[in-house]
C-alpha atoms as a PDB file:
ATOM      1  CA  UNK A   1       0.000   0.000   0.000  1.00  0.00           C
ATOM      2  CA  UNK A   2       1.312   3.431  -0.886  1.00  0.00           C
ATOM      3  CA  UNK A   3       0.201   6.581   0.904  1.00  0.00           C
ATOM      4  CA  UNK A   4       0.191   9.864  -1.017  1.00  0.00           C
ATOM      5  CA  UNK A   5       1.514  12.612   1.245  1.00  0.00           C
ATOM      6  CA  UNK A   6       1.142  15.451  -1.239  1.00  0.00           C
ATOM      7  CA  UNK A   7      -0.425  18.673   0.104  1.00  0.00           C
ATOM      8  CA  UNK A   8      -3.680  18.008  -1.769  1.00  0.00           C
ATOM      9  CA  UNK A   9      -4.166  14.680   0.003  1.00  0.00           C
ATOM     10  CA  UNK A  10      -3.547  14.606   3.738  1.00  0.00           C
ATOM     11  CA  UNK A  11      -4.346  11.220   5.173  1.00  0.00           C
ATOM     12  CA  UNK A  12      -4.447  11.141   8.942  1.00  0.00           C
ATOM     13  CA  UNK A  13      -3.601   7.499   9.597  1.00  0.00           C
ATOM     14  CA  UNK A  14      -0.328   6.559  11.148  1.00  0.00           C
ATOM     15  CA  UNK A  15       1.664   4.269   8.855  1.00  0.00           C
ATOM     16  CA  UNK A  16       5.259   3.098   8.683  1.00  0.00           C
ATOM     17  CA  UNK A  17       7.950   4.327   6.304  1.00  0.00           C
ATOM     18  CA  UNK A  18       7.406   1.369   3.981  1.00  0.00           C
ATOM     19  CA  UNK A  19       3.951   2.784   3.152  1.00  0.00           C
ATOM     20  CA  UNK A  20       5.437   5.985   1.726  1.00  0.00           C
ATOM     21  CA  UNK A  21       6.420   6.573  -1.883  1.00  0.00           C
ATOM     22  CA  UNK A  22       9.639   8.103  -3.155  1.00  0.00           C
ATOM     23  CA  UNK A  23       9.456  11.861  -2.632  1.00  0.00           C
ATOM     24  CA  UNK A  24       6.905  11.669   0.195  1.00  0.00           C
ATOM     25  CA  UNK A  25       7.580  13.607   3.368  1.00  0.00           C
ATOM     26  CA  UNK A  26       6.186  12.657   6.742  1.00  0.00           C
ATOM     27  CA  UNK A  27       6.527  13.375  10.445  1.00  0.00           C
ATOM     28  CA  UNK A  28       7.956  10.683  12.698  1.00  0.00           C
ATOM     29  CA  UNK A  29       5.395   9.592  15.299  1.00  0.00           C
ATOM     30  CA  UNK A  30       7.258   6.769  17.021  1.00  0.00           C
ATOM     31  CA  UNK A  31      10.071   4.267  16.705  1.00  0.00           C
ATOM     32  CA  UNK A  32       9.603   0.759  18.069  1.00  0.00           C
ATOM     33  CA  UNK A  33      12.045  -2.066  18.622  1.00  0.00           C
ATOM     34  CA  UNK A  34      14.824  -2.871  21.022  1.00  0.00           C
ATOM     35  CA  UNK A  35      16.165  -0.165  23.298  1.00  0.00           C
ATOM     36  CA  UNK A  36      19.464  -0.235  21.385  1.00  0.00           C
ATOM     37  CA  UNK A  37      17.669   0.232  18.044  1.00  0.00           C
ATOM     38  CA  UNK A  38      15.481   3.094  19.310  1.00  0.00           C
ATOM     39  CA  UNK A  39      18.472   4.810  20.952  1.00  0.00           C
ATOM     40  CA  UNK A  40      20.627   4.402  17.826  1.00  0.00           C
ATOM     41  CA  UNK A  41      18.008   6.070  15.632  1.00  0.00           C
ATOM     42  CA  UNK A  42      17.496   8.788  18.258  1.00  0.00           C
ATOM     43  CA  UNK A  43      21.253   9.435  18.254  1.00  0.00           C
ATOM     44  CA  UNK A  44      21.018   9.853  14.476  1.00  0.00           C
ATOM     45  CA  UNK A  45      18.200  12.390  14.864  1.00  0.00           C
ATOM     46  CA  UNK A  46      15.252  10.172  13.980  1.00  0.00           C
ATOM     47  CA  UNK A  47      12.956  11.255  16.814  1.00  0.00           C
ATOM     48  CA  UNK A  48       9.207  11.861  17.123  1.00  0.00           C
ATOM     49  CA  UNK A  49       8.287  15.180  15.534  1.00  0.00           C
ATOM     50  CA  UNK A  50      11.159  15.050  13.035  1.00  0.00           C
ATOM     51  CA  UNK A  51      10.290  15.485   9.360  1.00  0.00           C
ATOM     52  CA  UNK A  52      11.698  12.917   6.960  1.00  0.00           C
ATOM     53  CA  UNK A  53      11.573  12.412   3.192  1.00  0.00           C
ATOM     54  CA  UNK A  54      11.869   9.143   1.293  1.00  0.00           C
ATOM     55  CA  UNK A  55      14.583   9.705  -1.309  1.00  0.00           C
ATOM     56  CA  UNK A  56      15.029   6.234  -2.773  1.00  0.00           C
ATOM     57  CA  UNK A  57      13.921   2.656  -2.369  1.00  0.00           C
ATOM     58  CA  UNK A  58      16.252   0.013  -3.748  1.00  0.00           C
ATOM     59  CA  UNK A  59      14.976  -2.614  -6.167  1.00  0.00           C
ATOM     60  CA  UNK A  60      13.284  -5.333  -4.182  1.00  0.00           C
ATOM     61  CA  UNK A  61      12.042  -2.834  -1.594  1.00  0.00           C
ATOM     62  CA  UNK A  62      15.103  -2.657   0.637  1.00  0.00           C
ATOM     63  CA  UNK A  63      16.908  -0.585   1.776  1.00  0.00           C
ATOM     64  CA  UNK A  64      15.150   2.778   2.075  1.00  0.00           C
ATOM     65  CA  UNK A  65      17.150   5.983   1.731  1.00  0.00           C
ATOM     66  CA  UNK A  66      15.564   8.625   3.961  1.00  0.00           C
ATOM     67  CA  UNK A  67      16.554  12.268   4.366  1.00  0.00           C
ATOM     68  CA  UNK A  68      16.561  13.452   7.978  1.00  0.00           C
ATOM     69  CA  UNK A  69      17.500  17.104   8.472  1.00  0.00           C
ATOM     70  CA  UNK A  70      20.609  17.579   6.334  1.00  0.00           C
ATOM     71  CA  UNK A  71      21.804  13.976   6.124  1.00  0.00           C
ATOM     72  CA  UNK A  72      20.717  10.678   4.622  1.00  0.00           C
ATOM     73  CA  UNK A  73      19.908   7.512   6.534  1.00  0.00           C
ATOM     74  CA  UNK A  74      19.620   4.032   5.047  1.00  0.00           C
ATOM     75  CA  UNK A  75      17.113   1.683   6.671  1.00  0.00           C
ATOM     76  CA  UNK A  76      16.488  -1.965   5.921  1.00  0.00           C
ATOM     77  CA  UNK A  77      12.828  -2.712   5.175  1.00  0.00           C
ATOM     78  CA  UNK A  78      12.352  -4.482   8.513  1.00  0.00           C
ATOM     79  CA  UNK A  79      13.745  -1.425  10.328  1.00  0.00           C
ATOM     80  CA  UNK A  80      11.704   1.020   8.229  1.00  0.00           C
ATOM     81  CA  UNK A  81       8.580  -0.871   9.349  1.00  0.00           C
ATOM     82  CA  UNK A  82       9.409   0.063  12.948  1.00  0.00           C
ATOM     83  CA  UNK A  83       9.260   3.807  12.248  1.00  0.00           C
ATOM     84  CA  UNK A  84       5.684   5.100  12.369  1.00  0.00           C
ATOM     85  CA  UNK A  85       4.956   8.324  10.512  1.00  0.00           C
ATOM     86  CA  UNK A  86       2.088  10.560   9.412  1.00  0.00           C
ATOM     87  CA  UNK A  87       1.813  13.234   6.774  1.00  0.00           C
ATOM     88  CA  UNK A  88       2.596  16.689   8.188  1.00  0.00           C
END
């Protein structure tokens, strides 16, 4: 399922990064997983309230290249599923 996060369409459901399309921006709602995983992403700046943008998805659906602030973060599909987002 792909969610369109363009300004004309503002869905309110909370989804994970894997539901976004290339070019979509969204606000991070939560990150789930082990304490080490959550802390690692927090150290990298992927925190609730942060805006992200999906830049690229590799063939086969993994990994995801996500822009966070002024840097790029690569997430495996299983990790991208742990990051819940919503359109801003």
